[in-house]
Amino acid sequence: MAAVSPVLDLVALRSLVAIADCGGFRRAAEALSVSQSAVSQHVRRLEKVVGRPLVEPAGRGARLTPEGELLLSAGRRILAVHDDALDLLGVGAPVPQTSLAVGSTEHAADHLIPRVMETLAEGFPGAEIRFRIDRGARLVQALDRGTLDVAVLVGTASGPAGQAAGELPLAWYSAPGWDVPPPERPLPLVAVDEPCTIRTQALTSLARAGRAASVVGEAGYLAGVLHAARAGVGVALLADVGPPPQGLERRADLPAVAPEPMQVRLRRGASPRLARLVAAAVADTLAASRAPA
C-alpha cells in the first residue's frame, strides 16, 4: 500500500492567515469567531504536517517563523483558489474576508485611498483594512511575499495579475515665484530616485520638447521631492489631482506631459473581485478629478 501524503487542512490554514493578519492568537480567534484554543490546535495541526514550528511569541502577540511565512504565502494562494472554485460553482456562501492588506503608490494617495477604503468596506463588510503607502518596487515585492493582497501602482497593466485603473494626470509644480531658467540652461528637476516611472516621464517629455534638463535634487520618497521643490531647488513633475500640494503652484510655462496609466495588481491567488473593486474605485476617482467643476 502506498504511503499517505501529508495534507494541509484548510481550516487550519485560515487560522494561520488570521494570526498573521491580526498579530496574535486572541485577535485571530475573534476574527474567525472561534475559541483561542481552537486556533492553537489548528497551528499545532499544521506544525505536525510540516514538522517544524510555524508561530512564535512576540511580546503580547505572535509572529510567524520563516517557515510560517513560507506557508502563509502558499496558504493564501490555496485558500483563494479553493474559495474561487466554490464561488464559480455557486456552492455555499463565500467565506468572509477577515482582513485586507492594501498597498498604494504615493502619487495621489490622499485622493485615491478614501475612495478605495469606502469601496472595500462595502464589498467586504466587516473586514479589517490595512494600508501601506510606498514606492512601486517595494509594493510589488510585498505582493510577491504575500504580505499585501492588492496594490495600486503607476504603470501599464500587464499579465493576469494586473488590471487597468484609469490614467493619472501629471503637471509641473514649483515654489511660488520660482523662475524657469532660460532655454540655453538646463531645467533643474527634483525627482524620486530611480527606478521611477514619473521621473522617466519627466525627462522623456522634456527631451521630446527640446528642453535640456538636469536632476539636481533626489529623494527616496515623494515627501522629499515635495520638500525640495518647496525650497526652490527645482521643478517637480507631480500627480495633478485635486488642489496643488501645500507650498507649491502649478506651472503652465513648461511642456505638457501625457498622463500615466494606473494599474491594480493582486498577490498570486487573491480573489479577482478584489482587483475589480479597487480598479473601479481608482478609475472613478481619477475620472472625477478631470471632470469640469
C-alpha atoms as a PDB file:
ATOM      1  CA  MET A   1       0.000   0.000   0.000  1.00  0.00           C
ATOM      2  CA  ALA A   2       1.345   3.442  -0.930  1.00  0.00           C
ATOM      3  CA  ALA A   3       2.117   5.841   1.893  1.00  0.00           C
ATOM      4  CA  VAL A   4      -0.468   8.553   2.501  1.00  0.00           C
ATOM      5  CA  SER A   5       0.865  12.005   1.599  1.00  0.00           C
ATOM      6  CA  PRO A   6       0.613  14.763   4.213  1.00  0.00           C
ATOM      7  CA  VAL A   7      -2.386  17.058   3.745  1.00  0.00           C
ATOM      8  CA  LEU A   8      -2.745  20.711   4.762  1.00  0.00           C
ATOM      9  CA  ASP A   9      -6.051  21.393   6.487  1.00  0.00           C
ATOM     10  CA  LEU A  10      -7.939  24.371   5.003  1.00  0.00           C
ATOM     11  CA  VAL A  11      -9.489  25.394   8.317  1.00  0.00           C
ATOM     12  CA  ALA A  12      -6.065  25.364   9.939  1.00  0.00           C
ATOM     13  CA  LEU A  13      -4.640  27.445   7.105  1.00  0.00           C
ATOM     14  CA  ARG A  14      -7.357  30.054   7.706  1.00  0.00           C
ATOM     15  CA  SER A  15      -6.241  30.285  11.321  1.00  0.00           C
ATOM     16  CA  LEU A  16      -2.606  30.772  10.275  1.00  0.00           C
ATOM     17  CA  VAL A  17      -3.608  33.564   7.893  1.00  0.00           C
ATOM     18  CA  ALA A  18      -5.706  35.204  10.621  1.00  0.00           C
ATOM     19  CA  ILE A  19      -2.779  35.086  13.079  1.00  0.00           C
ATOM     20  CA  ALA A  20      -0.548  36.819  10.526  1.00  0.00           C
ATOM     21  CA  ASP A  21      -3.147  39.445   9.683  1.00  0.00           C
ATOM     22  CA  CYS A  22      -4.319  40.102  13.246  1.00  0.00           C
ATOM     23  CA  GLY A  23      -0.995  39.786  15.064  1.00  0.00           C
ATOM     24  CA  GLY A  24      -1.868  37.089  17.571  1.00  0.00           C
ATOM     25  CA  PHE A  25      -3.996  34.141  18.612  1.00  0.00           C
ATOM     26  CA  ARG A  26      -6.633  36.070  20.540  1.00  0.00           C
ATOM     27  CA  ARG A  27      -7.433  38.537  17.773  1.00  0.00           C
ATOM     28  CA  ALA A  28      -7.332  35.752  15.197  1.00  0.00           C
ATOM     29  CA  ALA A  29      -9.871  33.799  17.232  1.00  0.00           C
ATOM     30  CA  GLU A  30     -12.133  36.855  17.474  1.00  0.00           C
ATOM     31  CA  ALA A  31     -11.889  37.465  13.723  1.00  0.00           C
ATOM     32  CA  LEU A  32     -12.773  33.835  12.961  1.00  0.00           C
ATOM     33  CA  SER A  33     -15.460  33.590  15.686  1.00  0.00           C
ATOM     34  CA  VAL A  34     -13.800  30.540  17.266  1.00  0.00           C
ATOM     35  CA  SER A  35     -12.059  29.920  20.571  1.00  0.00           C
ATOM     36  CA  GLN A  36      -8.410  30.764  21.089  1.00  0.00           C
ATOM     37  CA  SER A  37      -7.723  27.124  21.937  1.00  0.00           C
ATOM     38  CA  ALA A  38      -9.162  26.111  18.560  1.00  0.00           C
ATOM     39  CA  VAL A  39      -6.730  28.441  16.788  1.00  0.00           C
ATOM     40  CA  SER A  40      -3.863  26.949  18.806  1.00  0.00           C
ATOM     41  CA  GLN A  41      -4.964  23.439  17.824  1.00  0.00           C
ATOM     42  CA  HIS A  42      -5.054  24.458  14.175  1.00  0.00           C
ATOM     43  CA  VAL A  43      -1.468  25.713  14.351  1.00  0.00           C
ATOM     44  CA  ARG A  44      -0.312  22.507  16.049  1.00  0.00           C
ATOM     45  CA  ARG A  45      -2.056  20.521  13.308  1.00  0.00           C
ATOM     46  CA  LEU A  46      -0.109  22.397  10.622  1.00  0.00           C
ATOM     47  CA  GLU A  47       3.146  22.101  12.549  1.00  0.00           C
ATOM     48  CA  LYS A  48       2.643  18.350  12.784  1.00  0.00           C
ATOM     49  CA  VAL A  49       2.256  18.155   8.995  1.00  0.00           C
ATOM     50  CA  VAL A  50       5.310  20.272   8.135  1.00  0.00           C
ATOM     51  CA  GLY A  51       7.426  19.063  11.049  1.00  0.00           C
ATOM     52  CA  ARG A  52       8.664  22.450  12.258  1.00  0.00           C
ATOM     53  CA  PRO A  53       7.444  25.480  14.274  1.00  0.00           C
ATOM     54  CA  LEU A  54       5.320  27.994  12.389  1.00  0.00           C
ATOM     55  CA  VAL A  55       4.437  30.588  15.038  1.00  0.00           C
ATOM     56  CA  GLU A  56       6.486  32.064  17.896  1.00  0.00           C
ATOM     57  CA  PRO A  57       5.717  34.543  20.687  1.00  0.00           C
ATOM     58  CA  ALA A  58       6.363  38.253  20.017  1.00  0.00           C
ATOM     59  CA  GLY A  59       5.682  40.444  23.038  1.00  0.00           C
ATOM     60  CA  ARG A  60       1.972  40.162  23.808  1.00  0.00           C
ATOM     61  CA  GLY A  61       1.235  38.821  20.342  1.00  0.00           C
ATOM     62  CA  ALA A  62       2.698  36.285  17.976  1.00  0.00           C
ATOM     63  CA  ARG A  63       4.621  36.260  14.721  1.00  0.00           C
ATOM     64  CA  LEU A  64       5.349  33.675  12.090  1.00  0.00           C
ATOM     65  CA  THR A  65       8.677  31.900  11.861  1.00  0.00           C
ATOM     66  CA  PRO A  66      10.461  31.920   8.471  1.00  0.00           C
ATOM     67  CA  GLU A  67       8.817  28.546   7.755  1.00  0.00           C
ATOM     68  CA  GLY A  68       5.479  30.044   8.814  1.00  0.00           C
ATOM     69  CA  GLU A  69       5.948  32.931   6.368  1.00  0.00           C
ATOM     70  CA  LEU A  70       6.573  30.457   3.554  1.00  0.00           C
ATOM     71  CA  LEU A  71       3.453  28.503   4.435  1.00  0.00           C
ATOM     72  CA  LEU A  72       1.467  31.750   4.790  1.00  0.00           C
ATOM     73  CA  SER A  73       2.241  32.778   1.218  1.00  0.00           C
ATOM     74  CA  ALA A  74       1.310  29.345  -0.136  1.00  0.00           C
ATOM     75  CA  GLY A  75      -1.709  29.120   2.174  1.00  0.00           C
ATOM     76  CA  ARG A  76      -3.180  32.375   0.881  1.00  0.00           C
ATOM     77  CA  ARG A  77      -2.992  31.024  -2.666  1.00  0.00           C
ATOM     78  CA  ILE A  78      -4.501  27.667  -1.669  1.00  0.00           C
ATOM     79  CA  LEU A  79      -7.430  29.315   0.116  1.00  0.00           C
ATOM     80  CA  ALA A  80      -8.045  31.796  -2.715  1.00  0.00           C
ATOM     81  CA  VAL A  81      -8.182  29.004  -5.319  1.00  0.00           C
ATOM     82  CA  HIS A  82     -10.475  26.947  -3.071  1.00  0.00           C
ATOM     83  CA  ASP A  83     -12.853  29.854  -2.441  1.00  0.00           C
ATOM     84  CA  ASP A  84     -12.877  30.944  -6.087  1.00  0.00           C
ATOM     85  CA  ALA A  85     -13.751  27.383  -7.140  1.00  0.00           C
ATOM     86  CA  LEU A  86     -16.747  27.325  -4.798  1.00  0.00           C
ATOM     87  CA  ASP A  87     -17.807  30.766  -5.966  1.00  0.00           C
ATOM     88  CA  LEU A  88     -17.518  29.717  -9.623  1.00  0.00           C
ATOM     89  CA  LEU A  89     -19.679  26.659  -9.000  1.00  0.00           C
ATOM     90  CA  GLY A  90     -22.155  28.568  -6.854  1.00  0.00           C
ATOM     91  CA  VAL A  91     -21.575  26.218  -3.929  1.00  0.00           C
ATOM     92  CA  GLY A  92     -22.200  27.549  -0.418  1.00  0.00           C
ATOM     93  CA  ALA A  93     -21.747  31.055   0.875  1.00  0.00           C
ATOM     94  CA  PRO A  94     -18.419  32.844   0.309  1.00  0.00           C
ATOM     95  CA  VAL A  95     -16.020  32.745   3.250  1.00  0.00           C
ATOM     96  CA  PRO A  96     -15.957  36.199   4.870  1.00  0.00           C
ATOM     97  CA  GLN A  97     -12.719  38.137   4.337  1.00  0.00           C
ATOM     98  CA  THR A  98     -11.418  38.962   7.801  1.00  0.00           C
ATOM     99  CA  SER A  99      -8.694  41.383   6.704  1.00  0.00           C
ATOM    100  CA  LEU A 100      -7.270  43.071   3.626  1.00  0.00           C
ATOM    101  CA  ALA A 101      -3.761  44.463   3.170  1.00  0.00           C
ATOM    102  CA  VAL A 102      -3.798  47.180   0.512  1.00  0.00           C
ATOM    103  CA  GLY A 103      -0.782  48.956  -0.943  1.00  0.00           C
ATOM    104  CA  SER A 104      -0.780  52.254  -2.817  1.00  0.00           C
ATOM    105  CA  THR A 105       1.698  54.333  -4.733  1.00  0.00           C
ATOM    106  CA  GLU A 106       2.495  57.643  -3.060  1.00  0.00           C
ATOM    107  CA  HIS A 107       1.245  59.621  -6.054  1.00  0.00           C
ATOM    108  CA  ALA A 108      -2.277  60.974  -5.402  1.00  0.00           C
ATOM    109  CA  ALA A 109      -2.647  58.574  -2.454  1.00  0.00           C
ATOM    110  CA  ASP A 110      -4.536  61.168  -0.398  1.00  0.00           C
ATOM    111  CA  HIS A 111      -7.240  61.226  -3.082  1.00  0.00           C
ATOM    112  CA  LEU A 112      -7.275  57.552  -4.031  1.00  0.00           C
ATOM    113  CA  ILE A 113      -7.222  55.896  -0.613  1.00  0.00           C
ATOM    114  CA  PRO A 114     -10.505  57.318   0.773  1.00  0.00           C
ATOM    115  CA  ARG A 115     -12.458  56.036  -2.257  1.00  0.00           C
ATOM    116  CA  VAL A 116     -10.700  52.655  -2.136  1.00  0.00           C
ATOM    117  CA  MET A 117     -11.470  52.321   1.583  1.00  0.00           C
ATOM    118  CA  GLU A 118     -15.132  53.140   1.017  1.00  0.00           C
ATOM    119  CA  THR A 119     -15.405  50.626  -1.834  1.00  0.00           C
ATOM    120  CA  LEU A 120     -13.716  47.810   0.097  1.00  0.00           C
ATOM    121  CA  ALA A 121     -15.790  48.459   3.221  1.00  0.00           C
ATOM    122  CA  GLU A 122     -18.907  47.964   1.100  1.00  0.00           C
ATOM    123  CA  GLY A 123     -17.556  44.991  -0.830  1.00  0.00           C
ATOM    124  CA  PHE A 124     -16.025  43.185   2.164  1.00  0.00           C
ATOM    125  CA  PRO A 125     -18.171  44.164   5.159  1.00  0.00           C
ATOM    126  CA  GLY A 126     -16.517  43.517   8.494  1.00  0.00           C
ATOM    127  CA  ALA A 127     -13.032  43.081   7.065  1.00  0.00           C
ATOM    128  CA  GLU A 128     -10.149  44.916   8.736  1.00  0.00           C
ATOM    129  CA  ILE A 129      -8.485  47.061   6.048  1.00  0.00           C
ATOM    130  CA  ARG A 130      -4.824  47.984   6.402  1.00  0.00           C
ATOM    131  CA  PHE A 131      -2.937  50.304   4.056  1.00  0.00           C
ATOM    132  CA  ARG A 132       0.725  50.609   3.123  1.00  0.00           C
ATOM    133  CA  ILE A 133       1.911  53.619   1.098  1.00  0.00           C
ATOM    134  CA  ASP A 134       5.268  53.010  -0.542  1.00  0.00           C
ATOM    135  CA  ARG A 135       7.251  53.040  -3.739  1.00  0.00           C
ATOM    136  CA  GLY A 136       6.057  50.786  -6.513  1.00  0.00           C
ATOM    137  CA  ALA A 137       9.012  48.388  -6.457  1.00  0.00           C
ATOM    138  CA  ARG A 138       8.577  47.779  -2.740  1.00  0.00           C
ATOM    139  CA  LEU A 139       4.847  47.207  -3.148  1.00  0.00           C
ATOM    140  CA  VAL A 140       5.498  44.617  -5.854  1.00  0.00           C
ATOM    141  CA  GLN A 141       7.941  42.844  -3.548  1.00  0.00           C
ATOM    142  CA  ALA A 142       5.295  42.791  -0.810  1.00  0.00           C
ATOM    143  CA  LEU A 143       2.779  41.294  -3.256  1.00  0.00           C
ATOM    144  CA  ASP A 144       5.287  38.600  -4.192  1.00  0.00           C
ATOM    145  CA  ARG A 145       5.865  37.814  -0.497  1.00  0.00           C
ATOM    146  CA  GLY A 146       2.134  37.639   0.141  1.00  0.00           C
ATOM    147  CA  THR A 147       2.172  40.421   2.755  1.00  0.00           C
ATOM    148  CA  LEU A 148      -0.101  42.580   0.565  1.00  0.00           C
ATOM    149  CA  ASP A 149      -3.317  41.433  -1.074  1.00  0.00           C
ATOM    150  CA  VAL A 150      -3.600  44.173  -3.684  1.00  0.00           C
ATOM    151  CA  ALA A 151      -1.685  47.294  -4.722  1.00  0.00           C
ATOM    152  CA  VAL A 152      -2.353  50.437  -6.753  1.00  0.00           C
ATOM    153  CA  LEU A 153       0.639  51.179  -8.981  1.00  0.00           C
ATOM    154  CA  VAL A 154       1.721  53.637 -11.666  1.00  0.00           C
ATOM    155  CA  GLY A 155       2.289  51.890 -14.984  1.00  0.00           C
ATOM    156  CA  THR A 156       0.655  49.809 -17.660  1.00  0.00           C
ATOM    157  CA  ALA A 157      -1.139  46.665 -16.544  1.00  0.00           C
ATOM    158  CA  SER A 158       0.398  43.508 -17.986  1.00  0.00           C
ATOM    159  CA  GLY A 159      -0.364  39.845 -17.479  1.00  0.00           C
ATOM    160  CA  PRO A 160      -3.182  38.254 -15.490  1.00  0.00           C
ATOM    161  CA  ALA A 161      -2.051  39.871 -12.224  1.00  0.00           C
ATOM    162  CA  GLY A 162      -2.597  43.435 -13.464  1.00  0.00           C
ATOM    163  CA  GLN A 163      -5.756  45.363 -14.249  1.00  0.00           C
ATOM    164  CA  ALA A 164      -6.019  48.818 -15.822  1.00  0.00           C
ATOM    165  CA  ALA A 165      -7.281  51.530 -13.469  1.00  0.00           C
ATOM    166  CA  GLY A 166      -7.515  54.765 -15.418  1.00  0.00           C
ATOM    167  CA  GLU A 167      -4.922  57.461 -16.064  1.00  0.00           C
ATOM    168  CA  LEU A 168      -3.039  59.693 -13.632  1.00  0.00           C
ATOM    169  CA  PRO A 169      -2.800  63.315 -14.888  1.00  0.00           C
ATOM    170  CA  LEU A 170       0.602  64.936 -14.394  1.00  0.00           C
ATOM    171  CA  ALA A 171       1.712  68.579 -14.167  1.00  0.00           C
ATOM    172  CA  TRP A 172       4.784  70.603 -13.259  1.00  0.00           C
ATOM    173  CA  TYR A 173       4.925  72.221  -9.822  1.00  0.00           C
ATOM    174  CA  SER A 174       7.360  74.619  -8.178  1.00  0.00           C
ATOM    175  CA  ALA A 175       7.655  77.002  -5.277  1.00  0.00           C
ATOM    176  CA  PRO A 176       5.735  80.274  -5.788  1.00  0.00           C
ATOM    177  CA  GLY A 177       7.896  82.823  -7.583  1.00  0.00           C
ATOM    178  CA  TRP A 178      10.403  80.224  -8.803  1.00  0.00           C
ATOM    179  CA  ASP A 179      11.785  81.316 -12.178  1.00  0.00           C
ATOM    180  CA  VAL A 180      12.267  78.970 -15.111  1.00  0.00           C
ATOM    181  CA  PRO A 181      15.843  79.352 -16.383  1.00  0.00           C
ATOM    182  CA  PRO A 182      16.389  80.461 -19.982  1.00  0.00           C
ATOM    183  CA  PRO A 183      16.325  77.762 -22.698  1.00  0.00           C
ATOM    184  CA  GLU A 184      20.111  77.691 -23.018  1.00  0.00           C
ATOM    185  CA  ARG A 185      20.395  76.486 -19.417  1.00  0.00           C
ATOM    186  CA  PRO A 186      19.242  73.030 -18.225  1.00  0.00           C
ATOM    187  CA  LEU A 187      15.946  72.946 -16.347  1.00  0.00           C
ATOM    188  CA  PRO A 188      16.653  71.886 -12.732  1.00  0.00           C
ATOM    189  CA  LEU A 189      14.470  68.961 -11.666  1.00  0.00           C
ATOM    190  CA  VAL A 190      13.757  67.298  -8.351  1.00  0.00           C
ATOM    191  CA  ALA A 191      12.593  63.693  -8.553  1.00  0.00           C
ATOM    192  CA  VAL A 192      12.347  60.363  -6.789  1.00  0.00           C
ATOM    193  CA  ASP A 193      15.383  58.097  -7.050  1.00  0.00           C
ATOM    194  CA  GLU A 194      15.483  55.648  -9.932  1.00  0.00           C
ATOM    195  CA  PRO A 195      13.685  53.493 -10.819  1.00  0.00           C
ATOM    196  CA  CYS A 196      10.684  55.821 -11.019  1.00  0.00           C
ATOM    197  CA  THR A 197       8.141  55.929 -13.842  1.00  0.00           C
ATOM    198  CA  ILE A 198       7.272  59.601 -13.316  1.00  0.00           C
ATOM    199  CA  ARG A 199      10.946  60.632 -13.196  1.00  0.00           C
ATOM    200  CA  THR A 200      11.439  58.888 -16.545  1.00  0.00           C
ATOM    201  CA  GLN A 201       8.324  60.565 -17.911  1.00  0.00           C
ATOM    202  CA  ALA A 202       9.619  63.997 -16.854  1.00  0.00           C
ATOM    203  CA  LEU A 203      12.979  63.583 -18.577  1.00  0.00           C
ATOM    204  CA  THR A 204      11.478  61.982 -21.681  1.00  0.00           C
ATOM    205  CA  SER A 205       8.803  64.662 -22.113  1.00  0.00           C
ATOM    206  CA  LEU A 206      11.319  67.489 -21.809  1.00  0.00           C
ATOM    207  CA  ALA A 207      13.708  65.818 -24.247  1.00  0.00           C
ATOM    208  CA  ARG A 208      10.920  65.448 -26.814  1.00  0.00           C
ATOM    209  CA  ALA A 209      10.153  69.151 -26.414  1.00  0.00           C
ATOM    210  CA  GLY A 210      13.824  70.009 -26.980  1.00  0.00           C
ATOM    211  CA  ARG A 211      14.306  71.243 -23.409  1.00  0.00           C
ATOM    212  CA  ALA A 212      17.545  70.250 -21.675  1.00  0.00           C
ATOM    213  CA  ALA A 213      17.110  69.174 -18.056  1.00  0.00           C
ATOM    214  CA  SER A 214      19.220  68.055 -15.124  1.00  0.00           C
ATOM    215  CA  VAL A 215      18.162  66.254 -11.954  1.00  0.00           C
ATOM    216  CA  VAL A 216      19.599  68.453  -9.192  1.00  0.00           C
ATOM    217  CA  GLY A 217      17.621  67.015  -6.281  1.00  0.00           C
ATOM    218  CA  GLU A 218      16.734  63.391  -5.492  1.00  0.00           C
ATOM    219  CA  ALA A 219      14.811  61.719  -2.690  1.00  0.00           C
ATOM    220  CA  GLY A 220      13.893  58.179  -1.770  1.00  0.00           C
ATOM    221  CA  TYR A 221      10.225  59.073  -1.350  1.00  0.00           C
ATOM    222  CA  LEU A 222       7.749  61.641  -2.597  1.00  0.00           C
ATOM    223  CA  ALA A 223       7.831  63.651   0.635  1.00  0.00           C
ATOM    224  CA  GLY A 224      11.479  64.525  -0.001  1.00  0.00           C
ATOM    225  CA  VAL A 225      10.672  65.696  -3.522  1.00  0.00           C
ATOM    226  CA  LEU A 226       7.942  67.989  -2.189  1.00  0.00           C
ATOM    227  CA  HIS A 227      10.315  69.473   0.425  1.00  0.00           C
ATOM    228  CA  ALA A 228      12.980  70.131  -2.226  1.00  0.00           C
ATOM    229  CA  ALA A 229      10.506  71.744  -4.609  1.00  0.00           C
ATOM    230  CA  ARG A 230       9.133  73.982  -1.821  1.00  0.00           C
ATOM    231  CA  ALA A 231      12.709  75.051  -1.031  1.00  0.00           C
ATOM    232  CA  GLY A 232      13.174  76.214  -4.619  1.00  0.00           C
ATOM    233  CA  VAL A 233      15.718  73.545  -5.554  1.00  0.00           C
ATOM    234  CA  GLY A 234      13.918  72.833  -8.821  1.00  0.00           C
ATOM    235  CA  VAL A 235      10.668  71.932 -10.520  1.00  0.00           C
ATOM    236  CA  ALA A 236       8.879  68.618  -9.944  1.00  0.00           C
ATOM    237  CA  LEU A 237       6.510  66.547 -12.072  1.00  0.00           C
ATOM    238  CA  LEU A 238       3.648  65.502  -9.801  1.00  0.00           C
ATOM    239  CA  ALA A 239       0.189  63.977  -9.887  1.00  0.00           C
ATOM    240  CA  ASP A 240      -2.285  66.666 -10.937  1.00  0.00           C
ATOM    241  CA  VAL A 241      -5.239  65.510  -8.845  1.00  0.00           C
ATOM    242  CA  GLY A 242      -7.099  67.897  -6.567  1.00  0.00           C
ATOM    243  CA  PRO A 243      -5.648  71.179  -5.271  1.00  0.00           C
ATOM    244  CA  PRO A 244      -1.884  71.865  -5.577  1.00  0.00           C
ATOM    245  CA  PRO A 245       0.328  70.432  -2.822  1.00  0.00           C
ATOM    246  CA  GLN A 246       0.803  72.884   0.033  1.00  0.00           C
ATOM    247  CA  GLY A 247       3.520  75.440  -0.714  1.00  0.00           C
ATOM    248  CA  LEU A 248       3.630  74.681  -4.456  1.00  0.00           C
ATOM    249  CA  GLU A 249       1.994  76.124  -7.559  1.00  0.00           C
ATOM    250  CA  ARG A 250       1.170  74.584 -10.907  1.00  0.00           C
ATOM    251  CA  ARG A 251       3.360  75.682 -13.848  1.00  0.00           C
ATOM    252  CA  ALA A 252       1.771  76.378 -17.212  1.00  0.00           C
ATOM    253  CA  ASP A 253       5.040  77.542 -18.841  1.00  0.00           C
ATOM    254  CA  LEU A 254       6.602  74.099 -19.286  1.00  0.00           C
ATOM    255  CA  PRO A 255       5.842  71.359 -21.849  1.00  0.00           C
ATOM    256  CA  ALA A 256       2.619  69.453 -21.250  1.00  0.00           C
ATOM    257  CA  VAL A 257       3.068  65.856 -20.089  1.00  0.00           C
ATOM    258  CA  ALA A 258       0.842  62.927 -21.026  1.00  0.00           C
ATOM    259  CA  PRO A 259      -0.955  61.141 -18.182  1.00  0.00           C
ATOM    260  CA  GLU A 260       0.481  57.910 -16.809  1.00  0.00           C
ATOM    261  CA  PRO A 261      -1.633  54.745 -16.838  1.00  0.00           C
ATOM    262  CA  MET A 262      -2.533  53.275 -13.466  1.00  0.00           C
ATOM    263  CA  GLN A 263      -2.889  49.613 -12.645  1.00  0.00           C
ATOM    264  CA  VAL A 264      -4.039  47.398  -9.823  1.00  0.00           C
ATOM    265  CA  ARG A 265      -2.085  44.231  -9.096  1.00  0.00           C
ATOM    266  CA  LEU A 266      -3.002  41.257  -6.920  1.00  0.00           C
ATOM    267  CA  ARG A 267      -0.849  38.867  -4.999  1.00  0.00           C
ATOM    268  CA  ARG A 268      -0.878  35.443  -6.532  1.00  0.00           C
ATOM    269  CA  GLY A 269      -4.035  33.571  -5.559  1.00  0.00           C
ATOM    270  CA  ALA A 270      -6.026  36.612  -4.399  1.00  0.00           C
ATOM    271  CA  SER A 271      -9.638  36.994  -5.491  1.00  0.00           C
ATOM    272  CA  PRO A 272     -10.050  38.735  -8.894  1.00  0.00           C
ATOM    273  CA  ARG A 273     -13.082  40.507  -7.409  1.00  0.00           C
ATOM    274  CA  LEU A 274     -10.719  42.451  -5.152  1.00  0.00           C
ATOM    275  CA  ALA A 275      -8.821  43.804  -8.159  1.00  0.00           C
ATOM    276  CA  ARG A 276     -12.043  44.724  -9.943  1.00  0.00           C
ATOM    277  CA  LEU A 277     -13.357  46.716  -6.990  1.00  0.00           C
ATOM    278  CA  VAL A 278     -10.105  48.583  -6.360  1.00  0.00           C
ATOM    279  CA  ALA A 279      -9.518  49.288 -10.063  1.00  0.00           C
ATOM    280  CA  ALA A 280     -13.029  50.710 -10.443  1.00  0.00           C
ATOM    281  CA  ALA A 281     -12.571  52.923  -7.367  1.00  0.00           C
ATOM    282  CA  VAL A 282      -9.248  54.290  -8.656  1.00  0.00           C
ATOM    283  CA  ALA A 283     -10.536  54.848 -12.194  1.00  0.00           C
ATOM    284  CA  ASP A 284     -13.672  56.622 -10.934  1.00  0.00           C
ATOM    285  CA  THR A 285     -11.605  58.905  -8.674  1.00  0.00           C
ATOM    286  CA  LEU A 286      -9.208  59.859 -11.469  1.00  0.00           C
ATOM    287  CA  ALA A 287     -12.055  60.435 -13.926  1.00  0.00           C
ATOM    288  CA  ALA A 288     -13.835  62.686 -11.411  1.00  0.00           C
ATOM    289  CA  SER A 289     -10.645  64.728 -10.952  1.00  0.00           C
ATOM    290  CA  ARG A 290     -10.647  65.561 -14.683  1.00  0.00           C
ATOM    291  CA  ALA A 291     -14.342  66.437 -14.881  1.00  0.00           C
ATOM    292  CA  PRO A 292     -15.112  70.170 -15.159  1.00  0.00           C
ATOM    293  CA  ALA A 293     -16.270  71.771 -11.924  1.00  0.00           C
END
